């Protein structure tokens, strides 16, 4: 479970870097798109976790 969180944080960091580079090169995206892309790795892993635990 710890490795999943680390992987999610790495994916989130990559999305933040892409958003920052987009701002530098004037290709800015709306904040809601960037926010959704940033939180997607955590959401994907937490929903997979809850499905796995509910099967129990």
C-alpha atoms as a PDB file:
ATOM      1  CA  UNK A   1       0.000   0.000   0.000  1.00  0.00           C
ATOM      2  CA  UNK A   2       2.898   2.336   0.683  1.00  0.00           C
ATOM      3  CA  UNK A   3       4.359   1.688  -2.750  1.00  0.00           C
ATOM      4  CA  UNK A   4       0.986   2.561  -4.315  1.00  0.00           C
ATOM      5  CA  UNK A   5       1.000   5.902  -2.523  1.00  0.00           C
ATOM      6  CA  UNK A   6       4.546   6.596  -3.639  1.00  0.00           C
ATOM      7  CA  UNK A   7       3.665   5.793  -7.240  1.00  0.00           C
ATOM      8  CA  UNK A   8       0.606   8.037  -7.036  1.00  0.00           C
ATOM      9  CA  UNK A   9       2.688  10.896  -5.663  1.00  0.00           C
ATOM     10  CA  UNK A  10       5.215  10.464  -8.483  1.00  0.00           C
ATOM     11  CA  UNK A  11       2.426  10.576 -11.064  1.00  0.00           C
ATOM     12  CA  UNK A  12       0.993  13.655  -9.370  1.00  0.00           C
ATOM     13  CA  UNK A  13       4.385  15.354  -9.417  1.00  0.00           C
ATOM     14  CA  UNK A  14       4.702  14.654 -13.126  1.00  0.00           C
ATOM     15  CA  UNK A  15       1.291  16.203 -13.787  1.00  0.00           C
ATOM     16  CA  UNK A  16       2.211  19.294 -11.777  1.00  0.00           C
ATOM     17  CA  UNK A  17       5.436  19.647 -13.726  1.00  0.00           C
ATOM     18  CA  UNK A  18       3.561  19.344 -17.021  1.00  0.00           C
ATOM     19  CA  UNK A  19       1.125  22.048 -15.876  1.00  0.00           C
ATOM     20  CA  UNK A  20       3.973  24.347 -14.851  1.00  0.00           C
ATOM     21  CA  UNK A  21       5.765  23.841 -18.154  1.00  0.00           C
ATOM     22  CA  UNK A  22       2.516  24.594 -19.937  1.00  0.00           C
ATOM     23  CA  UNK A  23       2.256  27.866 -18.036  1.00  0.00           C
ATOM     24  CA  UNK A  24       5.831  28.777 -18.945  1.00  0.00           C
ATOM     25  CA  UNK A  25       5.182  28.163 -22.630  1.00  0.00           C
ATOM     26  CA  UNK A  26       1.798  29.940 -22.496  1.00  0.00           C
ATOM     27  CA  UNK A  27      -0.235  26.803 -23.034  1.00  0.00           C
ATOM     28  CA  UNK A  28      -2.184  27.174 -19.840  1.00  0.00           C
ATOM     29  CA  UNK A  29      -5.127  24.909 -19.138  1.00  0.00           C
ATOM     30  CA  UNK A  30      -8.020  25.729 -16.824  1.00  0.00           C
ATOM     31  CA  UNK A  31      -7.465  25.027 -13.147  1.00  0.00           C
ATOM     32  CA  UNK A  32     -10.233  22.431 -13.025  1.00  0.00           C
ATOM     33  CA  UNK A  33      -8.565  20.359 -15.752  1.00  0.00           C
ATOM     34  CA  UNK A  34      -5.192  20.544 -14.031  1.00  0.00           C
ATOM     35  CA  UNK A  35      -6.765  19.714 -10.672  1.00  0.00           C
ATOM     36  CA  UNK A  36      -8.552  16.683 -12.073  1.00  0.00           C
ATOM     37  CA  UNK A  37      -5.389  15.416 -13.758  1.00  0.00           C
ATOM     38  CA  UNK A  38      -3.456  15.925 -10.545  1.00  0.00           C
ATOM     39  CA  UNK A  39      -5.888  13.999  -8.357  1.00  0.00           C
ATOM     40  CA  UNK A  40      -6.608  11.168 -10.799  1.00  0.00           C
ATOM     41  CA  UNK A  41      -3.766   8.866  -9.619  1.00  0.00           C
ATOM     42  CA  UNK A  42      -4.938   9.086  -5.992  1.00  0.00           C
ATOM     43  CA  UNK A  43      -8.561   8.531  -6.955  1.00  0.00           C
ATOM     44  CA  UNK A  44      -7.731   5.540  -9.138  1.00  0.00           C
ATOM     45  CA  UNK A  45      -5.708   3.858  -6.403  1.00  0.00           C
ATOM     46  CA  UNK A  46      -8.118   4.629  -3.571  1.00  0.00           C
ATOM     47  CA  UNK A  47     -11.110   3.309  -5.506  1.00  0.00           C
ATOM     48  CA  UNK A  48      -9.149   0.164  -6.411  1.00  0.00           C
ATOM     49  CA  UNK A  49      -8.235  -0.210  -2.740  1.00  0.00           C
ATOM     50  CA  UNK A  50     -11.848   0.109  -1.599  1.00  0.00           C
ATOM     51  CA  UNK A  51     -12.993  -2.435  -4.192  1.00  0.00           C
ATOM     52  CA  UNK A  52     -10.291  -4.829  -3.059  1.00  0.00           C
ATOM     53  CA  UNK A  53     -11.194  -4.406   0.614  1.00  0.00           C
ATOM     54  CA  UNK A  54     -14.948  -4.705   0.062  1.00  0.00           C
ATOM     55  CA  UNK A  55     -14.515  -8.124  -1.533  1.00  0.00           C
ATOM     56  CA  UNK A  56     -12.786  -9.217   1.660  1.00  0.00           C
END
